[in-house]
Amino acid sequence: MVLAVGLLIAVIVAVVTINHSHEKKSPENWTAFVYKNGYESAAYEMKTGFNDYQSCKAFSQTLSYKFGEVPWQCGLRCRFDSMRQGYQCETMENH
């Protein structure tokens, strides 16, 4: 019984340690998406490399007004997904 409890504790500690080592520690990288013809359109302007949401938002809003107040979003840690043929982000915001 004591051996089983000890093994269970060892497994739990190992899982927690592995999870902590795999946490993302990369800096924030925001990408602006400005949809010139609406969300359903494939026509969008994209710019990456913003260090925070506020700078991405400011750029997106300025470009949105230029195109007639079109929809925009900022995505965190976006990458191109070749299976879906589009960009996937950890989170998307536009408030």
PDB file of N, CA and C in Angstrom:
ATOM      1  N   MET A   1       0.826  -1.198   0.000  1.00  0.00           N
ATOM      2  CA  MET A   1       0.000   0.000   0.000  1.00  0.00           C
ATOM      3  C   MET A   1       0.868   1.259   0.000  1.00  0.00           C
ATOM      4  N   VAL A   2       1.870   1.284   0.871  1.00  0.00           N
ATOM      5  CA  VAL A   2       2.760   2.440   0.951  1.00  0.00           C
ATOM      6  C   VAL A   2       3.521   2.601  -0.369  1.00  0.00           C
ATOM      7  N   LEU A   3       3.925   1.480  -0.960  1.00  0.00           N
ATOM      8  CA  LEU A   3       4.629   1.518  -2.238  1.00  0.00           C
ATOM      9  C   LEU A   3       3.727   2.082  -3.341  1.00  0.00           C
ATOM     10  N   ALA A   4       2.464   1.697  -3.347  1.00  0.00           N
ATOM     11  CA  ALA A   4       1.513   2.192  -4.352  1.00  0.00           C
ATOM     12  C   ALA A   4       1.308   3.699  -4.210  1.00  0.00           C
ATOM     13  N   VAL A   5       1.186   4.175  -2.980  1.00  0.00           N
ATOM     14  CA  VAL A   5       1.020   5.608  -2.742  1.00  0.00           C
ATOM     15  C   VAL A   5       2.276   6.356  -3.186  1.00  0.00           C
ATOM     16  N   GLY A   6       3.431   5.797  -2.895  1.00  0.00           N
ATOM     17  CA  GLY A   6       4.696   6.415  -3.302  1.00  0.00           C
ATOM     18  C   GLY A   6       4.814   6.502  -4.816  1.00  0.00           C
ATOM     19  N   LEU A   7       4.425   5.426  -5.506  1.00  0.00           N
ATOM     20  CA  LEU A   7       4.450   5.440  -6.969  1.00  0.00           C
ATOM     21  C   LEU A   7       3.464   6.459  -7.535  1.00  0.00           C
ATOM     22  N   LEU A   8       2.295   6.553  -6.935  1.00  0.00           N
ATOM     23  CA  LEU A   8       1.293   7.515  -7.382  1.00  0.00           C
ATOM     24  C   LEU A   8       1.813   8.945  -7.223  1.00  0.00           C
ATOM     25  N   ILE A   9       2.431   9.228  -6.109  1.00  0.00           N
ATOM     26  CA  ILE A   9       2.995  10.561  -5.873  1.00  0.00           C
ATOM     27  C   ILE A   9       4.108  10.847  -6.884  1.00  0.00           C
ATOM     28  N   ALA A  10       4.949   9.862  -7.166  1.00  0.00           N
ATOM     29  CA  ALA A  10       6.032  10.042  -8.135  1.00  0.00           C
ATOM     30  C   ALA A  10       5.480  10.342  -9.529  1.00  0.00           C
ATOM     31  N   VAL A  11       4.417   9.654  -9.915  1.00  0.00           N
ATOM     32  CA  VAL A  11       3.802   9.889 -11.225  1.00  0.00           C
ATOM     33  C   VAL A  11       3.211  11.294 -11.286  1.00  0.00           C
ATOM     34  N   ILE A  12       2.527  11.709 -10.235  1.00  0.00           N
ATOM     35  CA  ILE A  12       1.928  13.046 -10.198  1.00  0.00           C
ATOM     36  C   ILE A  12       3.009  14.115 -10.301  1.00  0.00           C
ATOM     37  N   VAL A  13       4.090  13.966  -9.558  1.00  0.00           N
ATOM     38  CA  VAL A  13       5.188  14.933  -9.602  1.00  0.00           C
ATOM     39  C   VAL A  13       5.793  14.977 -11.007  1.00  0.00           C
ATOM     40  N   ALA A  14       5.967  13.818 -11.633  1.00  0.00           N
ATOM     41  CA  ALA A  14       6.529  13.775 -12.987  1.00  0.00           C
ATOM     42  C   ALA A  14       5.625  14.492 -13.985  1.00  0.00           C
ATOM     43  N   VAL A  15       4.323  14.274 -13.902  1.00  0.00           N
ATOM     44  CA  VAL A  15       3.375  14.916 -14.822  1.00  0.00           C
ATOM     45  C   VAL A  15       3.381  16.428 -14.631  1.00  0.00           C
ATOM     46  N   VAL A  16       3.366  16.885 -13.398  1.00  0.00           N
ATOM     47  CA  VAL A  16       3.381  18.325 -13.122  1.00  0.00           C
ATOM     48  C   VAL A  16       4.676  18.949 -13.635  1.00  0.00           C
ATOM     49  N   THR A  17       5.798  18.295 -13.420  1.00  0.00           N
ATOM     50  CA  THR A  17       7.089  18.803 -13.885  1.00  0.00           C
ATOM     51  C   THR A  17       7.129  18.893 -15.405  1.00  0.00           C
ATOM     52  N   ILE A  18       6.636  17.875 -16.088  1.00  0.00           N
ATOM     53  CA  ILE A  18       6.607  17.879 -17.555  1.00  0.00           C
ATOM     54  C   ILE A  18       5.706  18.994 -18.062  1.00  0.00           C
ATOM     55  N   ASN A  19       4.544  19.171 -17.461  1.00  0.00           N
ATOM     56  CA  ASN A  19       3.631  20.236 -17.886  1.00  0.00           C
ATOM     57  C   ASN A  19       4.267  21.610 -17.725  1.00  0.00           C
ATOM     58  N   HIS A  20       4.967  21.847 -16.636  1.00  0.00           N
ATOM     59  CA  HIS A  20       5.622  23.145 -16.418  1.00  0.00           C
ATOM     60  C   HIS A  20       6.724  23.384 -17.443  1.00  0.00           C
ATOM     61  N   SER A  21       7.444  22.347 -17.810  1.00  0.00           N
ATOM     62  CA  SER A  21       8.539  22.525 -18.762  1.00  0.00           C
ATOM     63  C   SER A  21       8.030  22.780 -20.176  1.00  0.00           C
ATOM     64  N   HIS A  22       6.777  22.415 -20.471  1.00  0.00           N
ATOM     65  CA  HIS A  22       6.216  22.614 -21.806  1.00  0.00           C
ATOM     66  C   HIS A  22       5.368  23.875 -21.924  1.00  0.00           C
ATOM     67  N   GLU A  23       5.243  24.645 -20.856  1.00  0.00           N
ATOM     68  CA  GLU A  23       4.473  25.885 -20.926  1.00  0.00           C
ATOM     69  C   GLU A  23       5.153  26.853 -21.874  1.00  0.00           C
ATOM     70  N   LYS A  24       4.352  27.617 -22.589  1.00  0.00           N
ATOM     71  CA  LYS A  24       4.893  28.596 -23.531  1.00  0.00           C
ATOM     72  C   LYS A  24       5.483  29.768 -22.758  1.00  0.00           C
ATOM     73  N   LYS A  25       6.724  30.032 -23.052  1.00  0.00           N
ATOM     74  CA  LYS A  25       7.389  31.161 -22.427  1.00  0.00           C
ATOM     75  C   LYS A  25       7.789  32.189 -23.482  1.00  0.00           C
ATOM     76  N   SER A  26       7.246  32.035 -24.676  1.00  0.00           N
ATOM     77  CA  SER A  26       7.591  32.968 -25.747  1.00  0.00           C
ATOM     78  C   SER A  26       6.922  34.313 -25.504  1.00  0.00           C
ATOM     79  N   PRO A  27       7.548  35.379 -25.983  1.00  0.00           N
ATOM     80  CA  PRO A  27       6.963  36.713 -25.793  1.00  0.00           C
ATOM     81  C   PRO A  27       5.687  36.861 -26.610  1.00  0.00           C
ATOM     82  N   GLU A  28       4.906  37.863 -26.247  1.00  0.00           N
ATOM     83  CA  GLU A  28       3.691  38.128 -27.007  1.00  0.00           C
ATOM     84  C   GLU A  28       4.064  38.571 -28.412  1.00  0.00           C
ATOM     85  N   ASN A  29       3.362  38.041 -29.377  1.00  0.00           N
ATOM     86  CA  ASN A  29       3.525  38.449 -30.768  1.00  0.00           C
ATOM     87  C   ASN A  29       2.130  38.537 -31.363  1.00  0.00           C
ATOM     88  N   TRP A  30       1.674  39.752 -31.611  1.00  0.00           N
ATOM     89  CA  TRP A  30       0.328  39.997 -32.112  1.00  0.00           C
ATOM     90  C   TRP A  30       0.357  40.247 -33.609  1.00  0.00           C
ATOM     91  N   THR A  31      -0.695  39.799 -34.287  1.00  0.00           N
ATOM     92  CA  THR A  31      -0.853  39.993 -35.723  1.00  0.00           C
ATOM     93  C   THR A  31      -2.173  40.692 -35.981  1.00  0.00           C
ATOM     94  N   ALA A  32      -2.135  41.720 -36.831  1.00  0.00           N
ATOM     95  CA  ALA A  32      -3.343  42.470 -37.191  1.00  0.00           C
ATOM     96  C   ALA A  32      -3.951  41.885 -38.462  1.00  0.00           C
ATOM     97  N   PHE A  33      -5.268  41.680 -38.437  1.00  0.00           N
ATOM     98  CA  PHE A  33      -6.030  41.250 -39.607  1.00  0.00           C
ATOM     99  C   PHE A  33      -7.121  42.294 -39.842  1.00  0.00           C
ATOM    100  N   VAL A  34      -7.119  42.918 -41.005  1.00  0.00           N
ATOM    101  CA  VAL A  34      -8.135  43.912 -41.360  1.00  0.00           C
ATOM    102  C   VAL A  34      -8.837  43.389 -42.606  1.00  0.00           C
ATOM    103  N   TYR A  35     -10.142  43.091 -42.458  1.00  0.00           N
ATOM    104  CA  TYR A  35     -10.927  42.433 -43.505  1.00  0.00           C
ATOM    105  C   TYR A  35     -11.573  43.480 -44.410  1.00  0.00           C
ATOM    106  N   LYS A  36     -10.949  43.736 -45.558  1.00  0.00           N
ATOM    107  CA  LYS A  36     -11.387  44.818 -46.453  1.00  0.00           C
ATOM    108  C   LYS A  36     -12.800  44.618 -46.998  1.00  0.00           C
ATOM    109  N   ASN A  37     -13.243  43.382 -47.147  1.00  0.00           N
ATOM    110  CA  ASN A  37     -14.579  43.096 -47.689  1.00  0.00           C
ATOM    111  C   ASN A  37     -15.419  42.269 -46.718  1.00  0.00           C
ATOM    112  N   GLY A  38     -15.184  42.400 -45.428  1.00  0.00           N
ATOM    113  CA  GLY A  38     -15.932  41.656 -44.417  1.00  0.00           C
ATOM    114  C   GLY A  38     -15.222  40.378 -43.996  1.00  0.00           C
ATOM    115  N   TYR A  39     -15.712  39.784 -42.905  1.00  0.00           N
ATOM    116  CA  TYR A  39     -15.090  38.580 -42.344  1.00  0.00           C
ATOM    117  C   TYR A  39     -15.090  37.405 -43.312  1.00  0.00           C
ATOM    118  N   GLU A  40     -16.128  37.264 -44.105  1.00  0.00           N
ATOM    119  CA  GLU A  40     -16.267  36.105 -44.983  1.00  0.00           C
ATOM    120  C   GLU A  40     -15.383  36.200 -46.222  1.00  0.00           C
ATOM    121  N   SER A  41     -14.787  37.334 -46.438  1.00  0.00           N
ATOM    122  CA  SER A  41     -13.962  37.549 -47.621  1.00  0.00           C
ATOM    123  C   SER A  41     -12.541  37.048 -47.380  1.00  0.00           C
ATOM    124  N   ALA A  42     -11.924  36.603 -48.440  1.00  0.00           N
ATOM    125  CA  ALA A  42     -10.517  36.200 -48.348  1.00  0.00           C
ATOM    126  C   ALA A  42      -9.589  37.404 -48.497  1.00  0.00           C
ATOM    127  N   ALA A  43     -10.164  38.567 -48.743  1.00  0.00           N
ATOM    128  CA  ALA A  43      -9.359  39.777 -48.931  1.00  0.00           C
ATOM    129  C   ALA A  43      -9.124  40.452 -47.588  1.00  0.00           C
ATOM    130  N   TYR A  44      -7.917  40.322 -47.074  1.00  0.00           N
ATOM    131  CA  TYR A  44      -7.590  40.988 -45.817  1.00  0.00           C
ATOM    132  C   TYR A  44      -6.160  41.491 -45.862  1.00  0.00           C
ATOM    133  N   GLU A  45      -5.923  42.515 -45.087  1.00  0.00           N
ATOM    134  CA  GLU A  45      -4.571  43.033 -44.886  1.00  0.00           C
ATOM    135  C   GLU A  45      -4.065  42.432 -43.581  1.00  0.00           C
ATOM    136  N   MET A  46      -2.805  42.016 -43.577  1.00  0.00           N
ATOM    137  CA  MET A  46      -2.237  41.406 -42.386  1.00  0.00           C
ATOM    138  C   MET A  46      -0.873  42.031 -42.111  1.00  0.00           C
ATOM    139  N   LYS A  47      -0.623  42.300 -40.842  1.00  0.00           N
ATOM    140  CA  LYS A  47       0.699  42.771 -40.434  1.00  0.00           C
ATOM    141  C   LYS A  47       1.029  42.117 -39.108  1.00  0.00           C
ATOM    142  N   THR A  48       2.221  41.562 -39.002  1.00  0.00           N
ATOM    143  CA  THR A  48       2.628  40.868 -37.789  1.00  0.00           C
ATOM    144  C   THR A  48       3.767  41.622 -37.108  1.00  0.00           C
ATOM    145  N   GLY A  49       4.077  41.203 -35.887  1.00  0.00           N
ATOM    146  CA  GLY A  49       5.220  41.765 -35.185  1.00  0.00           C
ATOM    147  C   GLY A  49       4.903  42.787 -34.113  1.00  0.00           C
ATOM    148  N   PHE A  50       3.647  42.877 -33.697  1.00  0.00           N
ATOM    149  CA  PHE A  50       3.295  43.806 -32.622  1.00  0.00           C
ATOM    150  C   PHE A  50       3.625  43.158 -31.277  1.00  0.00           C
ATOM    151  N   ASN A  51       4.217  43.924 -30.372  1.00  0.00           N
ATOM    152  CA  ASN A  51       4.632  43.386 -29.074  1.00  0.00           C
ATOM    153  C   ASN A  51       3.519  43.355 -28.038  1.00  0.00           C
ATOM    154  N   ASP A  52       2.427  44.077 -28.297  1.00  0.00           N
ATOM    155  CA  ASP A  52       1.312  44.072 -27.351  1.00  0.00           C
ATOM    156  C   ASP A  52       0.005  44.311 -28.102  1.00  0.00           C
ATOM    157  N   TYR A  53      -1.089  43.999 -27.428  1.00  0.00           N
ATOM    158  CA  TYR A  53      -2.407  44.119 -28.049  1.00  0.00           C
ATOM    159  C   TYR A  53      -2.730  45.564 -28.409  1.00  0.00           C
ATOM    160  N   GLN A  54      -2.367  46.504 -27.551  1.00  0.00           N
ATOM    161  CA  GLN A  54      -2.726  47.905 -27.783  1.00  0.00           C
ATOM    162  C   GLN A  54      -2.129  48.452 -29.082  1.00  0.00           C
ATOM    163  N   SER A  55      -0.875  48.119 -29.374  1.00  0.00           N
ATOM    164  CA  SER A  55      -0.277  48.611 -30.622  1.00  0.00           C
ATOM    165  C   SER A  55      -0.895  47.931 -31.837  1.00  0.00           C
ATOM    166  N   CYS A  56      -1.239  46.660 -31.722  1.00  0.00           N
ATOM    167  CA  CYS A  56      -1.931  45.958 -32.802  1.00  0.00           C
ATOM    168  C   CYS A  56      -3.304  46.579 -33.041  1.00  0.00           C
ATOM    169  N   LYS A  57      -4.010  46.857 -31.957  1.00  0.00           N
ATOM    170  CA  LYS A  57      -5.345  47.461 -32.045  1.00  0.00           C
ATOM    171  C   LYS A  57      -5.280  48.831 -32.714  1.00  0.00           C
ATOM    172  N   ALA A  58      -4.325  49.659 -32.320  1.00  0.00           N
ATOM    173  CA  ALA A  58      -4.205  51.006 -32.892  1.00  0.00           C
ATOM    174  C   ALA A  58      -3.955  50.931 -34.397  1.00  0.00           C
ATOM    175  N   PHE A  59      -3.056  50.050 -34.812  1.00  0.00           N
ATOM    176  CA  PHE A  59      -2.786  49.877 -36.240  1.00  0.00           C
ATOM    177  C   PHE A  59      -4.037  49.386 -36.968  1.00  0.00           C
ATOM    178  N   SER A  60      -4.709  48.386 -36.399  1.00  0.00           N
ATOM    179  CA  SER A  60      -5.896  47.800 -37.030  1.00  0.00           C
ATOM    180  C   SER A  60      -7.014  48.814 -37.182  1.00  0.00           C
ATOM    181  N   GLN A  61      -7.241  49.613 -36.151  1.00  0.00           N
ATOM    182  CA  GLN A  61      -8.309  50.611 -36.219  1.00  0.00           C
ATOM    183  C   GLN A  61      -8.000  51.681 -37.266  1.00  0.00           C
ATOM    184  N   THR A  62      -6.752  52.106 -37.339  1.00  0.00           N
ATOM    185  CA  THR A  62      -6.368  53.105 -38.339  1.00  0.00           C
ATOM    186  C   THR A  62      -6.601  52.574 -39.752  1.00  0.00           C
ATOM    187  N   LEU A  63      -6.177  51.337 -40.005  1.00  0.00           N
ATOM    188  CA  LEU A  63      -6.366  50.741 -41.327  1.00  0.00           C
ATOM    189  C   LEU A  63      -7.843  50.467 -41.604  1.00  0.00           C
ATOM    190  N   SER A  64      -8.582  50.084 -40.565  1.00  0.00           N
ATOM    191  CA  SER A  64     -10.019  49.845 -40.711  1.00  0.00           C
ATOM    192  C   SER A  64     -10.732  51.111 -41.176  1.00  0.00           C
ATOM    193  N   TYR A  65     -10.409  52.242 -40.576  1.00  0.00           N
ATOM    194  CA  TYR A  65     -11.017  53.518 -40.974  1.00  0.00           C
ATOM    195  C   TYR A  65     -10.646  53.883 -42.411  1.00  0.00           C
ATOM    196  N   LYS A  66      -9.409  53.574 -42.793  1.00  0.00           N
ATOM    197  CA  LYS A  66      -8.957  53.858 -44.159  1.00  0.00           C
ATOM    198  C   LYS A  66      -9.814  53.120 -45.189  1.00  0.00           C
ATOM    199  N   PHE A  67     -10.247  51.900 -44.856  1.00  0.00           N
ATOM    200  CA  PHE A  67     -11.058  51.093 -45.775  1.00  0.00           C
ATOM    201  C   PHE A  67     -12.555  51.233 -45.515  1.00  0.00           C
ATOM    202  N   GLY A  68     -12.963  52.222 -44.750  1.00  0.00           N
ATOM    203  CA  GLY A  68     -14.395  52.458 -44.518  1.00  0.00           C
ATOM    204  C   GLY A  68     -14.946  51.763 -43.292  1.00  0.00           C
ATOM    205  N   GLU A  69     -14.153  51.699 -42.226  1.00  0.00           N
ATOM    206  CA  GLU A  69     -14.547  51.081 -40.953  1.00  0.00           C
ATOM    207  C   GLU A  69     -14.916  49.611 -41.113  1.00  0.00           C
ATOM    208  N   VAL A  70     -14.044  48.880 -41.785  1.00  0.00           N
ATOM    209  CA  VAL A  70     -14.238  47.441 -41.984  1.00  0.00           C
ATOM    210  C   VAL A  70     -13.852  46.684 -40.711  1.00  0.00           C
ATOM    211  N   PRO A  71     -14.292  45.428 -40.587  1.00  0.00           N
ATOM    212  CA  PRO A  71     -13.951  44.642 -39.390  1.00  0.00           C
ATOM    213  C   PRO A  71     -12.447  44.377 -39.289  1.00  0.00           C
ATOM    214  N   TRP A  72     -11.994  44.198 -38.065  1.00  0.00           N
ATOM    215  CA  TRP A  72     -10.590  43.902 -37.813  1.00  0.00           C
ATOM    216  C   TRP A  72     -10.484  42.989 -36.600  1.00  0.00           C
ATOM    217  N   GLN A  73      -9.354  42.307 -36.479  1.00  0.00           N
ATOM    218  CA  GLN A  73      -9.041  41.479 -35.315  1.00  0.00           C
ATOM    219  C   GLN A  73      -7.538  41.489 -35.109  1.00  0.00           C
ATOM    220  N   CYS A  74      -7.137  41.273 -33.872  1.00  0.00           N
ATOM    221  CA  CYS A  74      -5.731  41.060 -33.547  1.00  0.00           C
ATOM    222  C   CYS A  74      -5.595  39.649 -32.984  1.00  0.00           C
ATOM    223  N   GLY A  75      -4.641  38.904 -33.501  1.00  0.00           N
ATOM    224  CA  GLY A  75      -4.425  37.532 -33.060  1.00  0.00           C
ATOM    225  C   GLY A  75      -3.111  37.393 -32.322  1.00  0.00           C
ATOM    226  N   LEU A  76      -3.129  36.580 -31.280  1.00  0.00           N
ATOM    227  CA  LEU A  76      -1.928  36.322 -30.474  1.00  0.00           C
ATOM    228  C   LEU A  76      -1.265  35.028 -30.928  1.00  0.00           C
ATOM    229  N   ARG A  77       0.039  35.096 -31.207  1.00  0.00           N
ATOM    230  CA  ARG A  77       0.855  33.953 -31.624  1.00  0.00           C
ATOM    231  C   ARG A  77       0.205  33.188 -32.781  1.00  0.00           C
ATOM    232  N   CYS A  78       0.036  33.859 -33.885  1.00  0.00           N
ATOM    233  CA  CYS A  78      -0.589  33.259 -35.071  1.00  0.00           C
ATOM    234  C   CYS A  78       0.446  32.491 -35.885  1.00  0.00           C
ATOM    235  N   ARG A  79      -0.026  31.471 -36.554  1.00  0.00           N
ATOM    236  CA  ARG A  79       0.827  30.695 -37.451  1.00  0.00           C
ATOM    237  C   ARG A  79      -0.030  30.226 -38.616  1.00  0.00           C
ATOM    238  N   PHE A  80       0.606  29.960 -39.736  1.00  0.00           N
ATOM    239  CA  PHE A  80      -0.129  29.482 -40.898  1.00  0.00           C
ATOM    240  C   PHE A  80      -0.347  27.984 -40.757  1.00  0.00           C
ATOM    241  N   ASP A  81      -1.581  27.542 -40.921  1.00  0.00           N
ATOM    242  CA  ASP A  81      -1.940  26.126 -40.852  1.00  0.00           C
ATOM    243  C   ASP A  81      -2.167  25.638 -42.277  1.00  0.00           C
ATOM    244  N   SER A  82      -1.232  24.853 -42.795  1.00  0.00           N
ATOM    245  CA  SER A  82      -1.329  24.407 -44.184  1.00  0.00           C
ATOM    246  C   SER A  82      -2.495  23.450 -44.407  1.00  0.00           C
ATOM    247  N   MET A  83      -2.909  22.734 -43.378  1.00  0.00           N
ATOM    248  CA  MET A  83      -4.061  21.829 -43.520  1.00  0.00           C
ATOM    249  C   MET A  83      -5.347  22.618 -43.756  1.00  0.00           C
ATOM    250  N   ARG A  84      -5.489  23.733 -43.079  1.00  0.00           N
ATOM    251  CA  ARG A  84      -6.703  24.558 -43.201  1.00  0.00           C
ATOM    252  C   ARG A  84      -6.529  25.700 -44.189  1.00  0.00           C
ATOM    253  N   GLN A  85      -5.308  25.878 -44.676  1.00  0.00           N
ATOM    254  CA  GLN A  85      -4.992  26.953 -45.616  1.00  0.00           C
ATOM    255  C   GLN A  85      -5.383  28.324 -45.069  1.00  0.00           C
ATOM    256  N   GLY A  86      -5.018  28.548 -43.830  1.00  0.00           N
ATOM    257  CA  GLY A  86      -5.304  29.830 -43.202  1.00  0.00           C
ATOM    258  C   GLY A  86      -4.506  29.990 -41.927  1.00  0.00           C
ATOM    259  N   TYR A  87      -4.615  31.151 -41.325  1.00  0.00           N
ATOM    260  CA  TYR A  87      -3.893  31.440 -40.089  1.00  0.00           C
ATOM    261  C   TYR A  87      -4.700  30.990 -38.881  1.00  0.00           C
ATOM    262  N   GLN A  88      -4.012  30.405 -37.919  1.00  0.00           N
ATOM    263  CA  GLN A  88      -4.605  29.995 -36.653  1.00  0.00           C
ATOM    264  C   GLN A  88      -3.867  30.734 -35.543  1.00  0.00           C
ATOM    265  N   CYS A  89      -4.628  31.286 -34.612  1.00  0.00           N
ATOM    266  CA  CYS A  89      -4.041  32.059 -33.516  1.00  0.00           C
ATOM    267  C   CYS A  89      -4.495  31.471 -32.188  1.00  0.00           C
ATOM    268  N   GLU A  90      -3.690  31.684 -31.145  1.00  0.00           N
ATOM    269  CA  GLU A  90      -4.086  31.222 -29.814  1.00  0.00           C
ATOM    270  C   GLU A  90      -5.355  31.923 -29.361  1.00  0.00           C
ATOM    271  N   THR A  91      -5.459  33.200 -29.655  1.00  0.00           N
ATOM    272  CA  THR A  91      -6.654  33.970 -29.309  1.00  0.00           C
ATOM    273  C   THR A  91      -6.820  35.101 -30.317  1.00  0.00           C
ATOM    274  N   MET A  92      -8.068  35.496 -30.532  1.00  0.00           N
ATOM    275  CA  MET A  92      -8.375  36.620 -31.422  1.00  0.00           C
ATOM    276  C   MET A  92      -9.205  37.621 -30.630  1.00  0.00           C
ATOM    277  N   GLU A  93      -8.860  38.909 -30.741  1.00  0.00           N
ATOM    278  CA  GLU A  93      -9.587  39.951 -30.013  1.00  0.00           C
ATOM    279  C   GLU A  93      -9.831  41.150 -30.916  1.00  0.00           C
ATOM    280  N   ASN A  94     -10.907  41.878 -30.631  1.00  0.00           N
ATOM    281  CA  ASN A  94     -11.177  43.135 -31.342  1.00  0.00           C
ATOM    282  C   ASN A  94     -12.068  44.051 -30.512  1.00  0.00           C
ATOM    283  N   HIS A  95     -11.650  44.331 -29.310  1.00  0.00           N
ATOM    284  CA  HIS A  95     -12.428  45.236 -28.447  1.00  0.00           C
ATOM    285  C   HIS A  95     -11.621  46.450 -28.063  1.00  0.00           C
TER     286      HIS A  95
END
